[in-house]
Amino acid sequence: MDEAVAALARLDPDKLLEKHRIQGLEVSALEAVLHVVEHFSMHTGQIILLAKMYAEVDLEFYDFSDSTPVPKWKREQ
């Protein structure tokens, strides 16, 4: 994740609308980034679904013991 964050931070905002040929398609850099984010999130959902099915328990990504849910999966920076 750190590598992905670093790569996104290096993107030049002025070049996000420039077109690139990727897998035979003409897309903007922004379209490419959004496609990768969407693709990654779908695979993440698949992994979480399978983990829940095999574990047969709540994976406890959040702590609901207080009035505000606290993510347990985030690392302290």
PDB file of N, CA and C in Angstrom:
ATOM      1  N   MET A   1       0.826  -1.189   0.000  1.00  0.00           N
ATOM      2  CA  MET A   1       0.000   0.000   0.000  1.00  0.00           C
ATOM      3  C   MET A   1       0.870   1.253   0.000  1.00  0.00           C
ATOM      4  N   ASP A   2       1.975   1.198   0.736  1.00  0.00           N
ATOM      5  CA  ASP A   2       2.861   2.361   0.772  1.00  0.00           C
ATOM      6  C   ASP A   2       3.397   2.687  -0.618  1.00  0.00           C
ATOM      7  N   GLU A   3       3.717   1.658  -1.384  1.00  0.00           N
ATOM      8  CA  GLU A   3       4.218   1.880  -2.743  1.00  0.00           C
ATOM      9  C   GLU A   3       3.142   2.506  -3.624  1.00  0.00           C
ATOM     10  N   ALA A   4       1.905   2.056  -3.472  1.00  0.00           N
ATOM     11  CA  ALA A   4       0.796   2.623  -4.261  1.00  0.00           C
ATOM     12  C   ALA A   4       0.574   4.085  -3.890  1.00  0.00           C
ATOM     13  N   VAL A   5       0.605   4.402  -2.608  1.00  0.00           N
ATOM     14  CA  VAL A   5       0.429   5.780  -2.153  1.00  0.00           C
ATOM     15  C   VAL A   5       1.557   6.656  -2.706  1.00  0.00           C
ATOM     16  N   ALA A   6       2.785   6.143  -2.664  1.00  0.00           N
ATOM     17  CA  ALA A   6       3.925   6.909  -3.177  1.00  0.00           C
ATOM     18  C   ALA A   6       3.796   7.145  -4.688  1.00  0.00           C
ATOM     19  N   ALA A   7       3.357   6.130  -5.423  1.00  0.00           N
ATOM     20  CA  ALA A   7       3.194   6.272  -6.872  1.00  0.00           C
ATOM     21  C   ALA A   7       2.126   7.316  -7.197  1.00  0.00           C
ATOM     22  N   LEU A   8       1.026   7.298  -6.468  1.00  0.00           N
ATOM     23  CA  LEU A   8      -0.033   8.289  -6.694  1.00  0.00           C
ATOM     24  C   LEU A   8       0.445   9.695  -6.331  1.00  0.00           C
ATOM     25  N   ALA A   9       1.256   9.806  -5.296  1.00  0.00           N
ATOM     26  CA  ALA A   9       1.768  11.116  -4.882  1.00  0.00           C
ATOM     27  C   ALA A   9       2.696  11.715  -5.942  1.00  0.00           C
ATOM     28  N   ARG A  10       3.335  10.860  -6.726  1.00  0.00           N
ATOM     29  CA  ARG A  10       4.250  11.339  -7.768  1.00  0.00           C
ATOM     30  C   ARG A  10       3.532  11.799  -9.035  1.00  0.00           C
ATOM     31  N   LEU A  11       2.253  11.512  -9.155  1.00  0.00           N
ATOM     32  CA  LEU A  11       1.508  11.915 -10.357  1.00  0.00           C
ATOM     33  C   LEU A  11       1.434  13.435 -10.450  1.00  0.00           C
ATOM     34  N   ASP A  12       1.654  13.943 -11.636  1.00  0.00           N
ATOM     35  CA  ASP A  12       1.541  15.377 -11.895  1.00  0.00           C
ATOM     36  C   ASP A  12       0.081  15.684 -12.230  1.00  0.00           C
ATOM     37  N   PRO A  13      -0.609  16.459 -11.396  1.00  0.00           N
ATOM     38  CA  PRO A  13      -2.028  16.747 -11.648  1.00  0.00           C
ATOM     39  C   PRO A  13      -2.278  17.353 -13.027  1.00  0.00           C
ATOM     40  N   ASP A  14      -1.316  18.098 -13.541  1.00  0.00           N
ATOM     41  CA  ASP A  14      -1.482  18.723 -14.853  1.00  0.00           C
ATOM     42  C   ASP A  14      -1.450  17.719 -15.994  1.00  0.00           C
ATOM     43  N   LYS A  15      -1.026  16.495 -15.718  1.00  0.00           N
ATOM     44  CA  LYS A  15      -0.919  15.489 -16.776  1.00  0.00           C
ATOM     45  C   LYS A  15      -1.983  14.394 -16.677  1.00  0.00           C
ATOM     46  N   LEU A  16      -2.902  14.528 -15.734  1.00  0.00           N
ATOM     47  CA  LEU A  16      -3.902  13.478 -15.528  1.00  0.00           C
ATOM     48  C   LEU A  16      -4.855  13.308 -16.707  1.00  0.00           C
ATOM     49  N   LEU A  17      -5.014  14.329 -17.509  1.00  0.00           N
ATOM     50  CA  LEU A  17      -5.928  14.222 -18.647  1.00  0.00           C
ATOM     51  C   LEU A  17      -5.210  13.846 -19.949  1.00  0.00           C
ATOM     52  N   GLU A  18      -3.880  13.700 -19.887  1.00  0.00           N
ATOM     53  CA  GLU A  18      -3.139  13.268 -21.070  1.00  0.00           C
ATOM     54  C   GLU A  18      -3.529  11.846 -21.427  1.00  0.00           C
ATOM     55  N   LYS A  19      -3.629  11.586 -22.716  1.00  0.00           N
ATOM     56  CA  LYS A  19      -4.039  10.264 -23.202  1.00  0.00           C
ATOM     57  C   LYS A  19      -2.831   9.329 -23.313  1.00  0.00           C
ATOM     58  N   HIS A  20      -3.075   8.055 -23.054  1.00  0.00           N
ATOM     59  CA  HIS A  20      -2.070   6.993 -23.152  1.00  0.00           C
ATOM     60  C   HIS A  20      -2.740   5.773 -23.780  1.00  0.00           C
ATOM     61  N   ARG A  21      -1.966   4.999 -24.504  1.00  0.00           N
ATOM     62  CA  ARG A  21      -2.491   3.756 -25.071  1.00  0.00           C
ATOM     63  C   ARG A  21      -2.137   2.642 -24.082  1.00  0.00           C
ATOM     64  N   ILE A  22      -3.184   2.059 -23.500  1.00  0.00           N
ATOM     65  CA  ILE A  22      -3.008   0.993 -22.511  1.00  0.00           C
ATOM     66  C   ILE A  22      -3.874  -0.180 -22.941  1.00  0.00           C
ATOM     67  N   GLN A  23      -3.262  -1.331 -23.131  1.00  0.00           N
ATOM     68  CA  GLN A  23      -3.952  -2.543 -23.570  1.00  0.00           C
ATOM     69  C   GLN A  23      -4.831  -2.270 -24.788  1.00  0.00           C
ATOM     70  N   GLY A  24      -4.298  -1.482 -25.716  1.00  0.00           N
ATOM     71  CA  GLY A  24      -5.003  -1.214 -26.960  1.00  0.00           C
ATOM     72  C   GLY A  24      -6.069  -0.139 -26.888  1.00  0.00           C
ATOM     73  N   LEU A  25      -6.263   0.447 -25.726  1.00  0.00           N
ATOM     74  CA  LEU A  25      -7.273   1.493 -25.560  1.00  0.00           C
ATOM     75  C   LEU A  25      -6.614   2.846 -25.318  1.00  0.00           C
ATOM     76  N   GLU A  26      -7.241   3.890 -25.811  1.00  0.00           N
ATOM     77  CA  GLU A  26      -6.768   5.255 -25.589  1.00  0.00           C
ATOM     78  C   GLU A  26      -7.495   5.799 -24.360  1.00  0.00           C
ATOM     79  N   VAL A  27      -6.766   5.993 -23.262  1.00  0.00           N
ATOM     80  CA  VAL A  27      -7.381   6.459 -22.014  1.00  0.00           C
ATOM     81  C   VAL A  27      -6.525   7.551 -21.392  1.00  0.00           C
ATOM     82  N   SER A  28      -7.165   8.375 -20.584  1.00  0.00           N
ATOM     83  CA  SER A  28      -6.404   9.391 -19.846  1.00  0.00           C
ATOM     84  C   SER A  28      -5.704   8.716 -18.663  1.00  0.00           C
ATOM     85  N   ALA A  29      -4.703   9.399 -18.139  1.00  0.00           N
ATOM     86  CA  ALA A  29      -4.009   8.872 -16.959  1.00  0.00           C
ATOM     87  C   ALA A  29      -4.999   8.719 -15.802  1.00  0.00           C
ATOM     88  N   LEU A  30      -5.922   9.671 -15.668  1.00  0.00           N
ATOM     89  CA  LEU A  30      -6.926   9.594 -14.607  1.00  0.00           C
ATOM     90  C   LEU A  30      -7.822   8.371 -14.771  1.00  0.00           C
ATOM     91  N   GLU A  31      -8.257   8.103 -16.010  1.00  0.00           N
ATOM     92  CA  GLU A  31      -9.074   6.909 -16.260  1.00  0.00           C
ATOM     93  C   GLU A  31      -8.314   5.641 -15.880  1.00  0.00           C
ATOM     94  N   ALA A  32      -7.039   5.610 -16.206  1.00  0.00           N
ATOM     95  CA  ALA A  32      -6.223   4.435 -15.877  1.00  0.00           C
ATOM     96  C   ALA A  32      -6.125   4.244 -14.369  1.00  0.00           C
ATOM     97  N   VAL A  33      -5.883   5.327 -13.647  1.00  0.00           N
ATOM     98  CA  VAL A  33      -5.792   5.246 -12.178  1.00  0.00           C
ATOM     99  C   VAL A  33      -7.116   4.761 -11.594  1.00  0.00           C
ATOM    100  N   LEU A  34      -8.228   5.341 -12.041  1.00  0.00           N
ATOM    101  CA  LEU A  34      -9.539   4.947 -11.509  1.00  0.00           C
ATOM    102  C   LEU A  34      -9.858   3.489 -11.824  1.00  0.00           C
ATOM    103  N   HIS A  35      -9.461   3.036 -13.007  1.00  0.00           N
ATOM    104  CA  HIS A  35      -9.690   1.635 -13.368  1.00  0.00           C
ATOM    105  C   HIS A  35      -8.900   0.706 -12.451  1.00  0.00           C
ATOM    106  N   VAL A  36      -7.659   1.053 -12.172  1.00  0.00           N
ATOM    107  CA  VAL A  36      -6.834   0.213 -11.298  1.00  0.00           C
ATOM    108  C   VAL A  36      -7.411   0.184  -9.876  1.00  0.00           C
ATOM    109  N   VAL A  37      -7.864   1.341  -9.387  1.00  0.00           N
ATOM    110  CA  VAL A  37      -8.463   1.393  -8.044  1.00  0.00           C
ATOM    111  C   VAL A  37      -9.710   0.516  -7.993  1.00  0.00           C
ATOM    112  N   GLU A  38     -10.560   0.619  -9.013  1.00  0.00           N
ATOM    113  CA  GLU A  38     -11.779  -0.201  -9.072  1.00  0.00           C
ATOM    114  C   GLU A  38     -11.424  -1.689  -9.124  1.00  0.00           C
ATOM    115  N   HIS A  39     -10.459  -2.037  -9.958  1.00  0.00           N
ATOM    116  CA  HIS A  39     -10.051  -3.433 -10.113  1.00  0.00           C
ATOM    117  C   HIS A  39      -9.509  -3.979  -8.787  1.00  0.00           C
ATOM    118  N   PHE A  40      -8.656  -3.197  -8.136  1.00  0.00           N
ATOM    119  CA  PHE A  40      -8.076  -3.606  -6.853  1.00  0.00           C
ATOM    120  C   PHE A  40      -9.164  -3.793  -5.801  1.00  0.00           C
ATOM    121  N   SER A  41     -10.143  -2.870  -5.766  1.00  0.00           N
ATOM    122  CA  SER A  41     -11.193  -2.981  -4.748  1.00  0.00           C
ATOM    123  C   SER A  41     -12.065  -4.214  -4.970  1.00  0.00           C
ATOM    124  N   MET A  42     -12.294  -4.583  -6.244  1.00  0.00           N
ATOM    125  CA  MET A  42     -13.088  -5.794  -6.508  1.00  0.00           C
ATOM    126  C   MET A  42     -12.351  -7.030  -5.997  1.00  0.00           C
ATOM    127  N   HIS A  43     -11.043  -7.100  -6.245  1.00  0.00           N
ATOM    128  CA  HIS A  43     -10.284  -8.255  -5.760  1.00  0.00           C
ATOM    129  C   HIS A  43     -10.219  -8.267  -4.226  1.00  0.00           C
ATOM    130  N   THR A  44     -10.115  -7.086  -3.630  1.00  0.00           N
ATOM    131  CA  THR A  44     -10.111  -7.013  -2.170  1.00  0.00           C
ATOM    132  C   THR A  44     -11.425  -7.564  -1.618  1.00  0.00           C
ATOM    133  N   GLY A  45     -12.539  -7.205  -2.239  1.00  0.00           N
ATOM    134  CA  GLY A  45     -13.842  -7.727  -1.820  1.00  0.00           C
ATOM    135  C   GLY A  45     -13.923  -9.231  -1.954  1.00  0.00           C
ATOM    136  N   GLN A  46     -13.356  -9.764  -3.034  1.00  0.00           N
ATOM    137  CA  GLN A  46     -13.348 -11.216  -3.225  1.00  0.00           C
ATOM    138  C   GLN A  46     -12.549 -11.904  -2.119  1.00  0.00           C
ATOM    139  N   ILE A  47     -11.401 -11.334  -1.797  1.00  0.00           N
ATOM    140  CA  ILE A  47     -10.547 -11.918  -0.749  1.00  0.00           C
ATOM    141  C   ILE A  47     -11.261 -11.877   0.597  1.00  0.00           C
ATOM    142  N   ILE A  48     -11.909 -10.743   0.910  1.00  0.00           N
ATOM    143  CA  ILE A  48     -12.614 -10.616   2.181  1.00  0.00           C
ATOM    144  C   ILE A  48     -13.778 -11.600   2.252  1.00  0.00           C
ATOM    145  N   LEU A  49     -14.536 -11.728   1.158  1.00  0.00           N
ATOM    146  CA  LEU A  49     -15.649 -12.667   1.135  1.00  0.00           C
ATOM    147  C   LEU A  49     -15.161 -14.093   1.395  1.00  0.00           C
ATOM    148  N   LEU A  50     -14.105 -14.501   0.698  1.00  0.00           N
ATOM    149  CA  LEU A  50     -13.573 -15.856   0.897  1.00  0.00           C
ATOM    150  C   LEU A  50     -13.052 -16.048   2.318  1.00  0.00           C
ATOM    151  N   ALA A  51     -12.375 -15.030   2.853  1.00  0.00           N
ATOM    152  CA  ALA A  51     -11.862 -15.130   4.224  1.00  0.00           C
ATOM    153  C   ALA A  51     -13.004 -15.303   5.214  1.00  0.00           C
ATOM    154  N   LYS A  52     -14.091 -14.550   5.030  1.00  0.00           N
ATOM    155  CA  LYS A  52     -15.254 -14.681   5.917  1.00  0.00           C
ATOM    156  C   LYS A  52     -15.883 -16.058   5.793  1.00  0.00           C
ATOM    157  N   MET A  53     -15.964 -16.560   4.558  1.00  0.00           N
ATOM    158  CA  MET A  53     -16.572 -17.875   4.355  1.00  0.00           C
ATOM    159  C   MET A  53     -15.752 -18.971   5.029  1.00  0.00           C
ATOM    160  N   TYR A  54     -14.442 -18.898   4.874  1.00  0.00           N
ATOM    161  CA  TYR A  54     -13.587 -19.937   5.465  1.00  0.00           C
ATOM    162  C   TYR A  54     -13.460 -19.789   6.972  1.00  0.00           C
ATOM    163  N   ALA A  55     -13.399 -18.562   7.472  1.00  0.00           N
ATOM    164  CA  ALA A  55     -13.247 -18.340   8.910  1.00  0.00           C
ATOM    165  C   ALA A  55     -14.547 -18.608   9.658  1.00  0.00           C
ATOM    166  N   GLU A  56     -15.683 -18.375   8.993  1.00  0.00           N
ATOM    167  CA  GLU A  56     -17.003 -18.538   9.597  1.00  0.00           C
ATOM    168  C   GLU A  56     -17.182 -17.705  10.864  1.00  0.00           C
ATOM    169  N   VAL A  57     -16.486 -16.579  10.928  1.00  0.00           N
ATOM    170  CA  VAL A  57     -16.615 -15.630  12.038  1.00  0.00           C
ATOM    171  C   VAL A  57     -16.478 -14.216  11.482  1.00  0.00           C
ATOM    172  N   ASP A  58     -16.914 -13.256  12.286  1.00  0.00           N
ATOM    173  CA  ASP A  58     -16.714 -11.859  11.920  1.00  0.00           C
ATOM    174  C   ASP A  58     -15.209 -11.573  11.927  1.00  0.00           C
ATOM    175  N   LEU A  59     -14.721 -10.945  10.892  1.00  0.00           N
ATOM    176  CA  LEU A  59     -13.292 -10.660  10.798  1.00  0.00           C
ATOM    177  C   LEU A  59     -12.881  -9.451  11.633  1.00  0.00           C
ATOM    178  N   GLU A  60     -13.846  -8.791  12.219  1.00  0.00           N
ATOM    179  CA  GLU A  60     -13.620  -7.681  13.154  1.00  0.00           C
ATOM    180  C   GLU A  60     -12.686  -6.616  12.587  1.00  0.00           C
ATOM    181  N   PHE A  61     -13.051  -6.083  11.435  1.00  0.00           N
ATOM    182  CA  PHE A  61     -12.276  -4.994  10.855  1.00  0.00           C
ATOM    183  C   PHE A  61     -12.484  -3.694  11.635  1.00  0.00           C
ATOM    184  N   TYR A  62     -13.608  -3.610  12.360  1.00  0.00           N
ATOM    185  CA  TYR A  62     -13.918  -2.407  13.130  1.00  0.00           C
ATOM    186  C   TYR A  62     -14.240  -2.779  14.569  1.00  0.00           C
ATOM    187  N   ASP A  63     -13.902  -1.881  15.494  1.00  0.00           N
ATOM    188  CA  ASP A  63     -14.261  -2.022  16.897  1.00  0.00           C
ATOM    189  C   ASP A  63     -15.524  -1.192  17.114  1.00  0.00           C
ATOM    190  N   PHE A  64     -16.633  -1.865  17.455  1.00  0.00           N
ATOM    191  CA  PHE A  64     -17.906  -1.186  17.660  1.00  0.00           C
ATOM    192  C   PHE A  64     -18.233  -1.016  19.147  1.00  0.00           C
ATOM    193  N   SER A  65     -17.241  -1.110  20.015  1.00  0.00           N
ATOM    194  CA  SER A  65     -17.503  -1.052  21.455  1.00  0.00           C
ATOM    195  C   SER A  65     -17.864   0.353  21.940  1.00  0.00           C
ATOM    196  N   ASP A  66     -17.570   1.380  21.152  1.00  0.00           N
ATOM    197  CA  ASP A  66     -17.903   2.759  21.516  1.00  0.00           C
ATOM    198  C   ASP A  66     -18.964   3.278  20.544  1.00  0.00           C
ATOM    199  N   SER A  67     -19.349   4.523  20.684  1.00  0.00           N
ATOM    200  CA  SER A  67     -20.389   5.069  19.813  1.00  0.00           C
ATOM    201  C   SER A  67     -19.911   5.288  18.375  1.00  0.00           C
ATOM    202  N   THR A  68     -18.617   5.364  18.175  1.00  0.00           N
ATOM    203  CA  THR A  68     -18.054   5.558  16.831  1.00  0.00           C
ATOM    204  C   THR A  68     -17.216   4.344  16.452  1.00  0.00           C
ATOM    205  N   PRO A  69     -17.513   3.717  15.324  1.00  0.00           N
ATOM    206  CA  PRO A  69     -16.702   2.565  14.896  1.00  0.00           C
ATOM    207  C   PRO A  69     -15.248   2.985  14.654  1.00  0.00           C
ATOM    208  N   VAL A  70     -14.331   2.181  15.134  1.00  0.00           N
ATOM    209  CA  VAL A  70     -12.898   2.457  14.983  1.00  0.00           C
ATOM    210  C   VAL A  70     -12.308   1.364  14.106  1.00  0.00           C
ATOM    211  N   PRO A  71     -11.660   1.749  12.971  1.00  0.00           N
ATOM    212  CA  PRO A  71     -11.064   0.730  12.125  1.00  0.00           C
ATOM    213  C   PRO A  71      -9.896   0.045  12.836  1.00  0.00           C
ATOM    214  N   LYS A  72      -9.918  -1.264  12.881  1.00  0.00           N
ATOM    215  CA  LYS A  72      -8.834  -2.032  13.484  1.00  0.00           C
ATOM    216  C   LYS A  72      -7.748  -2.350  12.451  1.00  0.00           C
ATOM    217  N   TRP A  73      -8.081  -2.196  11.182  1.00  0.00           N
ATOM    218  CA  TRP A  73      -7.191  -2.598  10.119  1.00  0.00           C
ATOM    219  C   TRP A  73      -6.186  -1.533   9.721  1.00  0.00           C
ATOM    220  N   LYS A  74      -6.352  -0.310  10.200  1.00  0.00           N
ATOM    221  CA  LYS A  74      -5.420   0.763   9.842  1.00  0.00           C
ATOM    222  C   LYS A  74      -4.183   0.696  10.723  1.00  0.00           C
ATOM    223  N   ARG A  75      -3.045   0.873  10.073  1.00  0.00           N
ATOM    224  CA  ARG A  75      -1.798   0.919  10.829  1.00  0.00           C
ATOM    225  C   ARG A  75      -1.598   2.328  11.374  1.00  0.00           C
ATOM    226  N   GLU A  76      -0.970   2.426  12.495  1.00  0.00           N
ATOM    227  CA  GLU A  76      -0.584   3.729  13.036  1.00  0.00           C
ATOM    228  C   GLU A  76       0.602   4.222  12.228  1.00  0.00           C
ATOM    229  N   GLN A  77       0.543   5.469  11.806  1.00  0.00           N
ATOM    230  CA  GLN A  77       1.638   6.049  11.003  1.00  0.00           C
ATOM    231  C   GLN A  77       2.675   6.669  11.903  1.00  0.00           C
TER     232      GLN A  77
END
